[in-house]
């Protein structure tokens, strides 16, 4: 059985998106320079990954300029929301609270984070 293409970014694609979120729209050479400095990626791999990411709808390419400029097709926030929704659906059977409880049990929350959680709960309860 073959798997369909996922629009969910892989770890490498997330690294490339992070570069675009930081730099903004950029030519492949700038993206490659950042990836090469961080990961030792070769140029042809960067070009190939950007091509795959275009097909998946993760990046867009402006061909009206030379060199072509690539930009993220989604914000960091929207990517995070999409990934969390997928995680909730796939792992927690759609129960968002199960994810929240698991996250709070798995990692020590700072006092500031706990205050924010309480504020959000109060807001949700209409206080």
PDB file of N, CA and C in Angstrom:
ATOM      1  N   UNK A   1       0.842  -1.176   0.000  1.00  0.00           N
ATOM      2  CA  UNK A   1       0.000   0.000   0.000  1.00  0.00           C
ATOM      3  C   UNK A   1       0.892   1.246   0.000  1.00  0.00           C
ATOM      4  N   UNK A   2       0.650   2.173  -0.913  1.00  0.00           N
ATOM      5  CA  UNK A   2       1.468   3.380  -0.985  1.00  0.00           C
ATOM      6  C   UNK A   2       0.848   4.475  -0.141  1.00  0.00           C
ATOM      7  N   UNK A   3       1.712   5.304   0.394  1.00  0.00           N
ATOM      8  CA  UNK A   3       1.258   6.422   1.208  1.00  0.00           C
ATOM      9  C   UNK A   3       1.135   7.650   0.333  1.00  0.00           C
ATOM     10  N   UNK A   4       0.102   8.452   0.578  1.00  0.00           N
ATOM     11  CA  UNK A   4      -0.064   9.711  -0.137  1.00  0.00           C
ATOM     12  C   UNK A   4       0.936  10.732   0.382  1.00  0.00           C
ATOM     13  N   UNK A   5       1.192  11.740  -0.431  1.00  0.00           N
ATOM     14  CA  UNK A   5       2.100  12.796   0.008  1.00  0.00           C
ATOM     15  C   UNK A   5       1.451  13.587   1.130  1.00  0.00           C
ATOM     16  N   UNK A   6       2.229  13.852   2.145  1.00  0.00           N
ATOM     17  CA  UNK A   6       1.748  14.610   3.287  1.00  0.00           C
ATOM     18  C   UNK A   6       2.131  16.074   3.130  1.00  0.00           C
ATOM     19  N   UNK A   7       1.223  16.953   3.543  1.00  0.00           N
ATOM     20  CA  UNK A   7       1.573  18.371   3.545  1.00  0.00           C
ATOM     21  C   UNK A   7       2.244  18.743   4.865  1.00  0.00           C
ATOM     22  N   UNK A   8       2.331  17.764   5.762  1.00  0.00           N
ATOM     23  CA  UNK A   8       2.995  17.972   7.050  1.00  0.00           C
ATOM     24  C   UNK A   8       4.505  18.074   6.800  1.00  0.00           C
ATOM     25  N   UNK A   9       5.152  19.139   7.272  1.00  0.00           N
ATOM     26  CA  UNK A   9       6.589  19.275   7.037  1.00  0.00           C
ATOM     27  C   UNK A   9       7.400  18.222   7.788  1.00  0.00           C
ATOM     28  N   UNK A  10       8.431  17.718   7.123  1.00  0.00           N
ATOM     29  CA  UNK A  10       9.383  16.819   7.771  1.00  0.00           C
ATOM     30  C   UNK A  10      10.313  17.653   8.649  1.00  0.00           C
ATOM     31  N   UNK A  11      11.178  17.002   9.390  1.00  0.00           N
ATOM     32  CA  UNK A  11      12.126  17.727  10.240  1.00  0.00           C
ATOM     33  C   UNK A  11      13.025  18.645   9.410  1.00  0.00           C
ATOM     34  N   UNK A  12      13.523  18.143   8.290  1.00  0.00           N
ATOM     35  CA  UNK A  12      14.395  18.956   7.424  1.00  0.00           C
ATOM     36  C   UNK A  12      13.612  20.126   6.830  1.00  0.00           C
ATOM     37  N   UNK A  13      12.383  19.876   6.412  1.00  0.00           N
ATOM     38  CA  UNK A  13      11.562  20.947   5.856  1.00  0.00           C
ATOM     39  C   UNK A  13      11.270  22.009   6.915  1.00  0.00           C
ATOM     40  N   UNK A  14      11.066  21.589   8.152  1.00  0.00           N
ATOM     41  CA  UNK A  14      10.869  22.558   9.235  1.00  0.00           C
ATOM     42  C   UNK A  14      12.116  23.419   9.439  1.00  0.00           C
ATOM     43  N   UNK A  15      13.284  22.817   9.300  1.00  0.00           N
ATOM     44  CA  UNK A  15      14.525  23.591   9.419  1.00  0.00           C
ATOM     45  C   UNK A  15      14.604  24.636   8.311  1.00  0.00           C
ATOM     46  N   UNK A  16      14.202  24.250   7.103  1.00  0.00           N
ATOM     47  CA  UNK A  16      14.230  25.193   5.984  1.00  0.00           C
ATOM     48  C   UNK A  16      13.177  26.280   6.165  1.00  0.00           C
ATOM     49  N   UNK A  17      12.006  25.908   6.657  1.00  0.00           N
ATOM     50  CA  UNK A  17      10.980  26.910   6.938  1.00  0.00           C
ATOM     51  C   UNK A  17      11.463  27.876   8.018  1.00  0.00           C
ATOM     52  N   UNK A  18      12.151  27.357   9.026  1.00  0.00           N
ATOM     53  CA  UNK A  18      12.669  28.214  10.098  1.00  0.00           C
ATOM     54  C   UNK A  18      13.629  29.258   9.529  1.00  0.00           C
ATOM     55  N   UNK A  19      14.435  28.860   8.554  1.00  0.00           N
ATOM     56  CA  UNK A  19      15.343  29.811   7.902  1.00  0.00           C
ATOM     57  C   UNK A  19      14.535  30.892   7.187  1.00  0.00           C
ATOM     58  N   UNK A  20      13.499  30.484   6.462  1.00  0.00           N
ATOM     59  CA  UNK A  20      12.678  31.462   5.743  1.00  0.00           C
ATOM     60  C   UNK A  20      11.895  32.351   6.706  1.00  0.00           C
ATOM     61  N   UNK A  21      11.426  31.808   7.815  1.00  0.00           N
ATOM     62  CA  UNK A  21      10.723  32.629   8.800  1.00  0.00           C
ATOM     63  C   UNK A  21      11.668  33.674   9.391  1.00  0.00           C
ATOM     64  N   UNK A  22      12.908  33.286   9.564  1.00  0.00           N
ATOM     65  CA  UNK A  22      13.888  34.217  10.138  1.00  0.00           C
ATOM     66  C   UNK A  22      14.345  35.259   9.117  1.00  0.00           C
ATOM     67  N   UNK A  23      14.689  34.806   7.912  1.00  0.00           N
ATOM     68  CA  UNK A  23      15.242  35.708   6.898  1.00  0.00           C
ATOM     69  C   UNK A  23      14.179  36.454   6.106  1.00  0.00           C
ATOM     70  N   UNK A  24      12.988  35.873   5.994  1.00  0.00           N
ATOM     71  CA  UNK A  24      11.976  36.394   5.083  1.00  0.00           C
ATOM     72  C   UNK A  24      12.257  35.875   3.682  1.00  0.00           C
ATOM     73  N   UNK A  25      11.520  36.361   2.678  1.00  0.00           N
ATOM     74  CA  UNK A  25      11.726  35.887   1.305  1.00  0.00           C
ATOM     75  C   UNK A  25      13.195  35.989   0.906  1.00  0.00           C
ATOM     76  N   UNK A  26      13.721  34.882   0.349  1.00  0.00           N
ATOM     77  CA  UNK A  26      15.160  34.810   0.087  1.00  0.00           C
ATOM     78  C   UNK A  26      15.453  33.974  -1.149  1.00  0.00           C
ATOM     79  N   UNK A  27      16.551  34.301  -1.850  1.00  0.00           N
ATOM     80  CA  UNK A  27      17.009  33.434  -2.939  1.00  0.00           C
ATOM     81  C   UNK A  27      17.631  32.159  -2.365  1.00  0.00           C
ATOM     82  N   UNK A  28      17.713  31.151  -3.190  1.00  0.00           N
ATOM     83  CA  UNK A  28      18.210  29.851  -2.738  1.00  0.00           C
ATOM     84  C   UNK A  28      19.618  29.958  -2.142  1.00  0.00           C
ATOM     85  N   UNK A  29      20.457  30.836  -2.672  1.00  0.00           N
ATOM     86  CA  UNK A  29      21.826  30.961  -2.154  1.00  0.00           C
ATOM     87  C   UNK A  29      21.844  31.386  -0.683  1.00  0.00           C
ATOM     88  N   UNK A  30      20.946  32.300  -0.302  1.00  0.00           N
ATOM     89  CA  UNK A  30      20.893  32.731   1.099  1.00  0.00           C
ATOM     90  C   UNK A  30      20.377  31.604   1.993  1.00  0.00           C
ATOM     91  N   UNK A  31      19.359  30.900   1.499  1.00  0.00           N
ATOM     92  CA  UNK A  31      18.810  29.764   2.265  1.00  0.00           C
ATOM     93  C   UNK A  31      19.892  28.711   2.435  1.00  0.00           C
ATOM     94  N   UNK A  32      20.575  28.397   1.335  1.00  0.00           N
ATOM     95  CA  UNK A  32      21.643  27.396   1.382  1.00  0.00           C
ATOM     96  C   UNK A  32      22.778  27.817   2.317  1.00  0.00           C
ATOM     97  N   UNK A  33      23.157  29.086   2.258  1.00  0.00           N
ATOM     98  CA  UNK A  33      24.254  29.557   3.116  1.00  0.00           C
ATOM     99  C   UNK A  33      23.921  29.321   4.581  1.00  0.00           C
ATOM    100  N   UNK A  34      22.697  29.584   4.984  1.00  0.00           N
ATOM    101  CA  UNK A  34      22.292  29.381   6.377  1.00  0.00           C
ATOM    102  C   UNK A  34      22.264  27.890   6.722  1.00  0.00           C
ATOM    103  N   UNK A  35      21.687  27.079   5.826  1.00  0.00           N
ATOM    104  CA  UNK A  35      21.615  25.634   6.090  1.00  0.00           C
ATOM    105  C   UNK A  35      23.001  25.006   6.106  1.00  0.00           C
ATOM    106  N   UNK A  36      23.841  25.448   5.192  1.00  0.00           N
ATOM    107  CA  UNK A  36      25.194  24.910   5.110  1.00  0.00           C
ATOM    108  C   UNK A  36      25.978  25.231   6.377  1.00  0.00           C
ATOM    109  N   UNK A  37      25.805  26.443   6.886  1.00  0.00           N
ATOM    110  CA  UNK A  37      26.509  26.842   8.106  1.00  0.00           C
ATOM    111  C   UNK A  37      26.028  26.016   9.300  1.00  0.00           C
ATOM    112  N   UNK A  38      24.726  25.733   9.345  1.00  0.00           N
ATOM    113  CA  UNK A  38      24.150  24.999  10.475  1.00  0.00           C
ATOM    114  C   UNK A  38      24.283  23.483  10.339  1.00  0.00           C
ATOM    115  N   UNK A  39      24.089  22.971   9.122  1.00  0.00           N
ATOM    116  CA  UNK A  39      23.979  21.520   8.935  1.00  0.00           C
ATOM    117  C   UNK A  39      24.952  20.922   7.930  1.00  0.00           C
ATOM    118  N   UNK A  40      25.715  21.744   7.223  1.00  0.00           N
ATOM    119  CA  UNK A  40      26.630  21.218   6.213  1.00  0.00           C
ATOM    120  C   UNK A  40      25.917  20.711   4.970  1.00  0.00           C
ATOM    121  N   UNK A  41      24.734  21.223   4.702  1.00  0.00           N
ATOM    122  CA  UNK A  41      23.933  20.797   3.555  1.00  0.00           C
ATOM    123  C   UNK A  41      24.599  21.219   2.254  1.00  0.00           C
ATOM    124  N   UNK A  42      24.532  20.349   1.210  1.00  0.00           N
ATOM    125  CA  UNK A  42      25.090  20.782  -0.068  1.00  0.00           C
ATOM    126  C   UNK A  42      24.030  21.499  -0.901  1.00  0.00           C
ATOM    127  N   UNK A  43      24.482  22.292  -1.856  1.00  0.00           N
ATOM    128  CA  UNK A  43      23.608  23.176  -2.621  1.00  0.00           C
ATOM    129  C   UNK A  43      22.514  22.414  -3.365  1.00  0.00           C
ATOM    130  N   UNK A  44      22.874  21.296  -4.012  1.00  0.00           N
ATOM    131  CA  UNK A  44      21.882  20.555  -4.793  1.00  0.00           C
ATOM    132  C   UNK A  44      20.775  19.990  -3.896  1.00  0.00           C
ATOM    133  N   UNK A  45      21.110  19.630  -2.676  1.00  0.00           N
ATOM    134  CA  UNK A  45      20.096  19.146  -1.733  1.00  0.00           C
ATOM    135  C   UNK A  45      19.137  20.275  -1.365  1.00  0.00           C
ATOM    136  N   UNK A  46      19.669  21.460  -1.157  1.00  0.00           N
ATOM    137  CA  UNK A  46      18.823  22.613  -0.833  1.00  0.00           C
ATOM    138  C   UNK A  46      17.850  22.885  -1.971  1.00  0.00           C
ATOM    139  N   UNK A  47      18.340  22.886  -3.210  1.00  0.00           N
ATOM    140  CA  UNK A  47      17.488  23.135  -4.374  1.00  0.00           C
ATOM    141  C   UNK A  47      16.414  22.054  -4.486  1.00  0.00           C
ATOM    142  N   UNK A  48      16.796  20.796  -4.314  1.00  0.00           N
ATOM    143  CA  UNK A  48      15.846  19.682  -4.408  1.00  0.00           C
ATOM    144  C   UNK A  48      14.782  19.780  -3.317  1.00  0.00           C
ATOM    145  N   UNK A  49      15.200  20.085  -2.097  1.00  0.00           N
ATOM    146  CA  UNK A  49      14.246  20.192  -0.993  1.00  0.00           C
ATOM    147  C   UNK A  49      13.259  21.330  -1.238  1.00  0.00           C
ATOM    148  N   UNK A  50      13.729  22.453  -1.752  1.00  0.00           N
ATOM    149  CA  UNK A  50      12.822  23.557  -2.061  1.00  0.00           C
ATOM    150  C   UNK A  50      11.816  23.154  -3.136  1.00  0.00           C
ATOM    151  N   UNK A  51      12.257  22.367  -4.099  1.00  0.00           N
ATOM    152  CA  UNK A  51      11.359  21.876  -5.147  1.00  0.00           C
ATOM    153  C   UNK A  51      10.266  20.982  -4.552  1.00  0.00           C
ATOM    154  N   UNK A  52      10.653  20.086  -3.673  1.00  0.00           N
ATOM    155  CA  UNK A  52       9.693  19.200  -3.000  1.00  0.00           C
ATOM    156  C   UNK A  52       8.723  20.032  -2.163  1.00  0.00           C
ATOM    157  N   UNK A  53       9.255  21.036  -1.484  1.00  0.00           N
ATOM    158  CA  UNK A  53       8.420  21.876  -0.620  1.00  0.00           C
ATOM    159  C   UNK A  53       7.425  22.709  -1.430  1.00  0.00           C
ATOM    160  N   UNK A  54       7.785  23.094  -2.651  1.00  0.00           N
ATOM    161  CA  UNK A  54       6.846  23.782  -3.536  1.00  0.00           C
ATOM    162  C   UNK A  54       5.693  22.838  -3.867  1.00  0.00           C
ATOM    163  N   UNK A  55       6.029  21.595  -4.226  1.00  0.00           N
ATOM    164  CA  UNK A  55       5.003  20.595  -4.560  1.00  0.00           C
ATOM    165  C   UNK A  55       4.064  20.346  -3.384  1.00  0.00           C
ATOM    166  N   UNK A  56       4.594  20.384  -2.185  1.00  0.00           N
ATOM    167  CA  UNK A  56       3.783  20.151  -0.990  1.00  0.00           C
ATOM    168  C   UNK A  56       3.030  21.404  -0.546  1.00  0.00           C
ATOM    169  N   UNK A  57       3.301  22.540  -1.182  1.00  0.00           N
ATOM    170  CA  UNK A  57       2.629  23.779  -0.817  1.00  0.00           C
ATOM    171  C   UNK A  57       3.201  24.447   0.423  1.00  0.00           C
ATOM    172  N   UNK A  58       4.432  24.071   0.807  1.00  0.00           N
ATOM    173  CA  UNK A  58       5.050  24.640   2.003  1.00  0.00           C
ATOM    174  C   UNK A  58       5.778  25.945   1.711  1.00  0.00           C
ATOM    175  N   UNK A  59       6.269  26.104   0.488  1.00  0.00           N
ATOM    176  CA  UNK A  59       6.928  27.343   0.082  1.00  0.00           C
ATOM    177  C   UNK A  59       6.383  27.781  -1.273  1.00  0.00           C
ATOM    178  N   UNK A  60       6.578  29.040  -1.569  1.00  0.00           N
ATOM    179  CA  UNK A  60       6.212  29.601  -2.877  1.00  0.00           C
ATOM    180  C   UNK A  60       7.464  30.221  -3.475  1.00  0.00           C
ATOM    181  N   UNK A  61       7.517  30.228  -4.813  1.00  0.00           N
ATOM    182  CA  UNK A  61       8.681  30.777  -5.515  1.00  0.00           C
ATOM    183  C   UNK A  61       8.228  31.920  -6.406  1.00  0.00           C
ATOM    184  N   UNK A  62       8.886  33.053  -6.275  1.00  0.00           N
ATOM    185  CA  UNK A  62       8.624  34.215  -7.126  1.00  0.00           C
ATOM    186  C   UNK A  62       9.571  34.121  -8.310  1.00  0.00           C
ATOM    187  N   UNK A  63       9.006  33.763  -9.478  1.00  0.00           N
ATOM    188  CA  UNK A  63       9.818  33.597 -10.680  1.00  0.00           C
ATOM    189  C   UNK A  63       9.908  34.884 -11.488  1.00  0.00           C
ATOM    190  N   UNK A  64       9.282  35.954 -11.002  1.00  0.00           N
ATOM    191  CA  UNK A  64       9.307  37.216 -11.747  1.00  0.00           C
ATOM    192  C   UNK A  64      10.604  37.981 -11.512  1.00  0.00           C
ATOM    193  N   UNK A  65      11.408  37.510 -10.559  1.00  0.00           N
ATOM    194  CA  UNK A  65      12.689  38.146 -10.274  1.00  0.00           C
ATOM    195  C   UNK A  65      13.803  37.142 -10.496  1.00  0.00           C
ATOM    196  N   UNK A  66      14.992  37.646 -10.704  1.00  0.00           N
ATOM    197  CA  UNK A  66      16.143  36.771 -10.868  1.00  0.00           C
ATOM    198  C   UNK A  66      17.234  37.223  -9.908  1.00  0.00           C
ATOM    199  N   UNK A  67      17.745  36.360  -9.084  1.00  0.00           N
ATOM    200  CA  UNK A  67      17.368  34.953  -8.931  1.00  0.00           C
ATOM    201  C   UNK A  67      15.989  34.818  -8.281  1.00  0.00           C
ATOM    202  N   UNK A  68      15.384  33.632  -8.490  1.00  0.00           N
ATOM    203  CA  UNK A  68      14.072  33.372  -7.915  1.00  0.00           C
ATOM    204  C   UNK A  68      14.133  33.525  -6.400  1.00  0.00           C
ATOM    205  N   UNK A  69      13.035  34.003  -5.841  1.00  0.00           N
ATOM    206  CA  UNK A  69      12.957  34.217  -4.398  1.00  0.00           C
ATOM    207  C   UNK A  69      11.917  33.261  -3.823  1.00  0.00           C
ATOM    208  N   UNK A  70      12.290  32.600  -2.737  1.00  0.00           N
ATOM    209  CA  UNK A  70      11.417  31.643  -2.060  1.00  0.00           C
ATOM    210  C   UNK A  70      10.892  32.270  -0.773  1.00  0.00           C
ATOM    211  N   UNK A  71       9.643  31.938  -0.452  1.00  0.00           N
ATOM    212  CA  UNK A  71       9.080  32.394   0.814  1.00  0.00           C
ATOM    213  C   UNK A  71       8.229  31.274   1.407  1.00  0.00           C
ATOM    214  N   UNK A  72       8.122  31.277   2.708  1.00  0.00           N
ATOM    215  CA  UNK A  72       7.283  30.288   3.385  1.00  0.00           C
ATOM    216  C   UNK A  72       5.832  30.538   2.999  1.00  0.00           C
ATOM    217  N   UNK A  73       5.094  29.468   2.753  1.00  0.00           N
ATOM    218  CA  UNK A  73       3.687  29.590   2.385  1.00  0.00           C
ATOM    219  C   UNK A  73       2.791  29.662   3.615  1.00  0.00           C
ATOM    220  N   UNK A  74       3.392  29.519   4.794  1.00  0.00           N
ATOM    221  CA  UNK A  74       2.638  29.593   6.038  1.00  0.00           C
ATOM    222  C   UNK A  74       3.495  30.266   7.092  1.00  0.00           C
ATOM    223  N   UNK A  75       2.855  30.834   8.070  1.00  0.00           N
ATOM    224  CA  UNK A  75       3.591  31.434   9.171  1.00  0.00           C
ATOM    225  C   UNK A  75       4.016  30.341  10.150  1.00  0.00           C
ATOM    226  N   UNK A  76       4.948  30.675  11.013  1.00  0.00           N
ATOM    227  CA  UNK A  76       5.372  29.744  12.058  1.00  0.00           C
ATOM    228  C   UNK A  76       4.166  29.366  12.930  1.00  0.00           C
ATOM    229  N   UNK A  77       3.334  30.357  13.233  1.00  0.00           N
ATOM    230  CA  UNK A  77       2.168  30.121  14.077  1.00  0.00           C
ATOM    231  C   UNK A  77       1.174  29.168  13.409  1.00  0.00           C
ATOM    232  N   UNK A  78       0.890  29.384  12.136  1.00  0.00           N
ATOM    233  CA  UNK A  78      -0.073  28.505  11.454  1.00  0.00           C
ATOM    234  C   UNK A  78       0.496  27.100  11.287  1.00  0.00           C
ATOM    235  N   UNK A  79       1.791  26.975  11.056  1.00  0.00           N
ATOM    236  CA  UNK A  79       2.412  25.651  10.975  1.00  0.00           C
ATOM    237  C   UNK A  79       2.303  24.933  12.318  1.00  0.00           C
ATOM    238  N   UNK A  80       2.561  25.661  13.394  1.00  0.00           N
ATOM    239  CA  UNK A  80       2.448  25.069  14.730  1.00  0.00           C
ATOM    240  C   UNK A  80       1.035  24.608  15.025  1.00  0.00           C
ATOM    241  N   UNK A  81       0.050  25.454  14.693  1.00  0.00           N
ATOM    242  CA  UNK A  81      -1.352  25.071  14.922  1.00  0.00           C
ATOM    243  C   UNK A  81      -1.709  23.823  14.133  1.00  0.00           C
ATOM    244  N   UNK A  82      -1.279  23.763  12.875  1.00  0.00           N
ATOM    245  CA  UNK A  82      -1.580  22.605  12.026  1.00  0.00           C
ATOM    246  C   UNK A  82      -0.949  21.338  12.602  1.00  0.00           C
ATOM    247  N   UNK A  83       0.298  21.436  13.042  1.00  0.00           N
ATOM    248  CA  UNK A  83       0.987  20.266  13.579  1.00  0.00           C
ATOM    249  C   UNK A  83       0.353  19.810  14.896  1.00  0.00           C
ATOM    250  N   UNK A  84      -0.044  20.761  15.737  1.00  0.00           N
ATOM    251  CA  UNK A  84      -0.704  20.401  16.996  1.00  0.00           C
ATOM    252  C   UNK A  84      -2.053  19.744  16.716  1.00  0.00           C
ATOM    253  N   UNK A  85      -2.823  20.293  15.761  1.00  0.00           N
ATOM    254  CA  UNK A  85      -4.112  19.672  15.400  1.00  0.00           C
ATOM    255  C   UNK A  85      -3.901  18.240  14.936  1.00  0.00           C
ATOM    256  N   UNK A  86      -2.885  18.023  14.081  1.00  0.00           N
ATOM    257  CA  UNK A  86      -2.606  16.667  13.598  1.00  0.00           C
ATOM    258  C   UNK A  86      -2.215  15.745  14.745  1.00  0.00           C
ATOM    259  N   UNK A  87      -1.390  16.236  15.659  1.00  0.00           N
ATOM    260  CA  UNK A  87      -0.980  15.446  16.820  1.00  0.00           C
ATOM    261  C   UNK A  87      -2.187  15.077  17.675  1.00  0.00           C
ATOM    262  N   UNK A  88      -3.042  16.042  17.940  1.00  0.00           N
ATOM    263  CA  UNK A  88      -4.245  15.782  18.747  1.00  0.00           C
ATOM    264  C   UNK A  88      -5.113  14.728  18.072  1.00  0.00           C
ATOM    265  N   UNK A  89      -5.313  14.856  16.770  1.00  0.00           N
ATOM    266  CA  UNK A  89      -6.151  13.893  16.045  1.00  0.00           C
ATOM    267  C   UNK A  89      -5.535  12.503  16.013  1.00  0.00           C
ATOM    268  N   UNK A  90      -4.240  12.424  15.727  1.00  0.00           N
ATOM    269  CA  UNK A  90      -3.595  11.125  15.526  1.00  0.00           C
ATOM    270  C   UNK A  90      -3.250  10.405  16.821  1.00  0.00           C
ATOM    271  N   UNK A  91      -2.821  11.139  17.836  1.00  0.00           N
ATOM    272  CA  UNK A  91      -2.336  10.502  19.059  1.00  0.00           C
ATOM    273  C   UNK A  91      -3.379  10.516  20.172  1.00  0.00           C
ATOM    274  N   UNK A  92      -4.157  11.579  20.253  1.00  0.00           N
ATOM    275  CA  UNK A  92      -5.074  11.755  21.375  1.00  0.00           C
ATOM    276  C   UNK A  92      -6.543  11.647  20.972  1.00  0.00           C
ATOM    277  N   UNK A  93      -6.814  11.043  19.821  1.00  0.00           N
ATOM    278  CA  UNK A  93      -8.186  10.831  19.345  1.00  0.00           C
ATOM    279  C   UNK A  93      -9.033  12.100  19.406  1.00  0.00           C
ATOM    280  N   UNK A  94      -8.428  13.233  19.100  1.00  0.00           N
ATOM    281  CA  UNK A  94      -9.154  14.486  19.041  1.00  0.00           C
ATOM    282  C   UNK A  94      -9.339  15.190  20.373  1.00  0.00           C
ATOM    283  N   UNK A  95      -8.802  14.617  21.449  1.00  0.00           N
ATOM    284  CA  UNK A  95      -8.983  15.197  22.783  1.00  0.00           C
ATOM    285  C   UNK A  95      -7.835  16.151  23.105  1.00  0.00           C
ATOM    286  N   UNK A  96      -8.058  17.442  22.883  1.00  0.00           N
ATOM    287  CA  UNK A  96      -7.022  18.448  23.102  1.00  0.00           C
ATOM    288  C   UNK A  96      -6.570  18.475  24.559  1.00  0.00           C
ATOM    289  N   UNK A  97      -7.489  18.283  25.486  1.00  0.00           N
ATOM    290  CA  UNK A  97      -7.132  18.337  26.899  1.00  0.00           C
ATOM    291  C   UNK A  97      -6.136  17.232  27.254  1.00  0.00           C
ATOM    292  N   UNK A  98      -6.239  16.089  26.614  1.00  0.00           N
ATOM    293  CA  UNK A  98      -5.273  15.013  26.869  1.00  0.00           C
ATOM    294  C   UNK A  98      -3.864  15.458  26.506  1.00  0.00           C
ATOM    295  N   UNK A  99      -3.728  16.168  25.401  1.00  0.00           N
ATOM    296  CA  UNK A  99      -2.420  16.696  25.005  1.00  0.00           C
ATOM    297  C   UNK A  99      -1.925  17.716  26.022  1.00  0.00           C
ATOM    298  N   UNK A 100      -2.797  18.615  26.444  1.00  0.00           N
ATOM    299  CA  UNK A 100      -2.404  19.646  27.409  1.00  0.00           C
ATOM    300  C   UNK A 100      -1.938  18.995  28.711  1.00  0.00           C
ATOM    301  N   UNK A 101      -2.707  18.045  29.211  1.00  0.00           N
ATOM    302  CA  UNK A 101      -2.344  17.379  30.467  1.00  0.00           C
ATOM    303  C   UNK A 101      -1.029  16.627  30.321  1.00  0.00           C
ATOM    304  N   UNK A 102      -0.867  15.954  29.201  1.00  0.00           N
ATOM    305  CA  UNK A 102       0.376  15.211  28.952  1.00  0.00           C
ATOM    306  C   UNK A 102       1.565  16.172  28.900  1.00  0.00           C
ATOM    307  N   UNK A 103       1.394  17.290  28.223  1.00  0.00           N
ATOM    308  CA  UNK A 103       2.482  18.273  28.111  1.00  0.00           C
ATOM    309  C   UNK A 103       2.848  18.832  29.481  1.00  0.00           C
ATOM    310  N   UNK A 104       1.850  19.150  30.281  1.00  0.00           N
ATOM    311  CA  UNK A 104       2.118  19.710  31.608  1.00  0.00           C
ATOM    312  C   UNK A 104       2.767  18.692  32.543  1.00  0.00           C
ATOM    313  N   UNK A 105       2.449  17.408  32.357  1.00  0.00           N
ATOM    314  CA  UNK A 105       3.050  16.361  33.188  1.00  0.00           C
ATOM    315  C   UNK A 105       4.466  16.020  32.724  1.00  0.00           C
ATOM    316  N   UNK A 106       4.750  16.213  31.449  1.00  0.00           N
ATOM    317  CA  UNK A 106       6.019  15.782  30.862  1.00  0.00           C
ATOM    318  C   UNK A 106       7.165  16.765  31.059  1.00  0.00           C
ATOM    319  N   UNK A 107       6.860  18.036  31.182  1.00  0.00           N
ATOM    320  CA  UNK A 107       7.911  19.046  31.289  1.00  0.00           C
ATOM    321  C   UNK A 107       7.537  20.026  32.393  1.00  0.00           C
ATOM    322  N   UNK A 108       8.525  20.453  33.112  1.00  0.00           N
ATOM    323  CA  UNK A 108       8.282  21.407  34.197  1.00  0.00           C
ATOM    324  C   UNK A 108       7.913  22.758  33.601  1.00  0.00           C
ATOM    325  N   UNK A 109       6.748  23.243  34.000  1.00  0.00           N
ATOM    326  CA  UNK A 109       6.297  24.547  33.531  1.00  0.00           C
ATOM    327  C   UNK A 109       6.813  25.623  34.485  1.00  0.00           C
ATOM    328  N   UNK A 110       7.207  26.746  33.915  1.00  0.00           N
ATOM    329  CA  UNK A 110       7.672  27.867  34.736  1.00  0.00           C
ATOM    330  C   UNK A 110       6.465  28.507  35.424  1.00  0.00           C
ATOM    331  N   UNK A 111       6.697  29.275  36.476  1.00  0.00           N
ATOM    332  CA  UNK A 111       5.584  29.990  37.118  1.00  0.00           C
ATOM    333  C   UNK A 111       4.836  30.892  36.137  1.00  0.00           C
ATOM    334  N   UNK A 112       5.568  31.510  35.218  1.00  0.00           N
ATOM    335  CA  UNK A 112       4.933  32.378  34.219  1.00  0.00           C
ATOM    336  C   UNK A 112       4.027  31.567  33.293  1.00  0.00           C
ATOM    337  N   UNK A 113       4.488  30.390  32.895  1.00  0.00           N
ATOM    338  CA  UNK A 113       3.679  29.535  32.020  1.00  0.00           C
ATOM    339  C   UNK A 113       2.426  29.059  32.743  1.00  0.00           C
ATOM    340  N   UNK A 114       2.560  28.690  34.012  1.00  0.00           N
ATOM    341  CA  UNK A 114       1.393  28.251  34.783  1.00  0.00           C
ATOM    342  C   UNK A 114       0.391  29.392  34.950  1.00  0.00           C
ATOM    343  N   UNK A 115       0.885  30.603  35.148  1.00  0.00           N
ATOM    344  CA  UNK A 115       0.007  31.765  35.238  1.00  0.00           C
ATOM    345  C   UNK A 115      -0.747  31.948  33.931  1.00  0.00           C
ATOM    346  N   UNK A 116      -0.058  31.767  32.816  1.00  0.00           N
ATOM    347  CA  UNK A 116      -0.699  31.894  31.502  1.00  0.00           C
ATOM    348  C   UNK A 116      -1.744  30.806  31.305  1.00  0.00           C
ATOM    349  N   UNK A 117      -1.467  29.574  31.725  1.00  0.00           N
ATOM    350  CA  UNK A 117      -2.438  28.484  31.623  1.00  0.00           C
ATOM    351  C   UNK A 117      -3.682  28.828  32.443  1.00  0.00           C
ATOM    352  N   UNK A 118      -3.466  29.316  33.669  1.00  0.00           N
ATOM    353  CA  UNK A 118      -4.614  29.698  34.515  1.00  0.00           C
ATOM    354  C   UNK A 118      -5.426  30.813  33.868  1.00  0.00           C
ATOM    355  N   UNK A 119      -4.731  31.807  33.280  1.00  0.00           N
ATOM    356  CA  UNK A 119      -5.416  32.909  32.609  1.00  0.00           C
ATOM    357  C   UNK A 119      -6.263  32.388  31.447  1.00  0.00           C
ATOM    358  N   UNK A 120      -5.694  31.490  30.661  1.00  0.00           N
ATOM    359  CA  UNK A 120      -6.439  30.926  29.530  1.00  0.00           C
ATOM    360  C   UNK A 120      -7.646  30.126  30.004  1.00  0.00           C
ATOM    361  N   UNK A 121      -7.479  29.351  31.080  1.00  0.00           N
ATOM    362  CA  UNK A 121      -8.606  28.586  31.617  1.00  0.00           C
ATOM    363  C   UNK A 121      -9.701  29.519  32.112  1.00  0.00           C
ATOM    364  N   UNK A 122      -9.308  30.574  32.810  1.00  0.00           N
ATOM    365  CA  UNK A 122     -10.296  31.553  33.279  1.00  0.00           C
ATOM    366  C   UNK A 122     -11.029  32.186  32.091  1.00  0.00           C
ATOM    367  N   UNK A 123     -10.265  32.515  31.072  1.00  0.00           N
ATOM    368  CA  UNK A 123     -10.863  33.126  29.879  1.00  0.00           C
ATOM    369  C   UNK A 123     -11.846  32.165  29.228  1.00  0.00           C
ATOM    370  N   UNK A 124     -11.482  30.898  29.151  1.00  0.00           N
ATOM    371  CA  UNK A 124     -12.360  29.890  28.538  1.00  0.00           C
ATOM    372  C   UNK A 124     -13.625  29.673  29.364  1.00  0.00           C
ATOM    373  N   UNK A 125     -13.509  29.840  30.674  1.00  0.00           N
ATOM    374  CA  UNK A 125     -14.660  29.674  31.558  1.00  0.00           C
ATOM    375  C   UNK A 125     -15.510  30.933  31.636  1.00  0.00           C
ATOM    376  N   UNK A 126     -15.058  31.998  30.993  1.00  0.00           N
ATOM    377  CA  UNK A 126     -15.807  33.234  30.953  1.00  0.00           C
ATOM    378  C   UNK A 126     -15.656  34.103  32.183  1.00  0.00           C
ATOM    379  N   UNK A 127     -14.587  33.951  32.899  1.00  0.00           N
ATOM    380  CA  UNK A 127     -14.353  34.772  34.098  1.00  0.00           C
ATOM    381  C   UNK A 127     -13.756  36.113  33.734  1.00  0.00           C
TER     382      UNK A 127
END
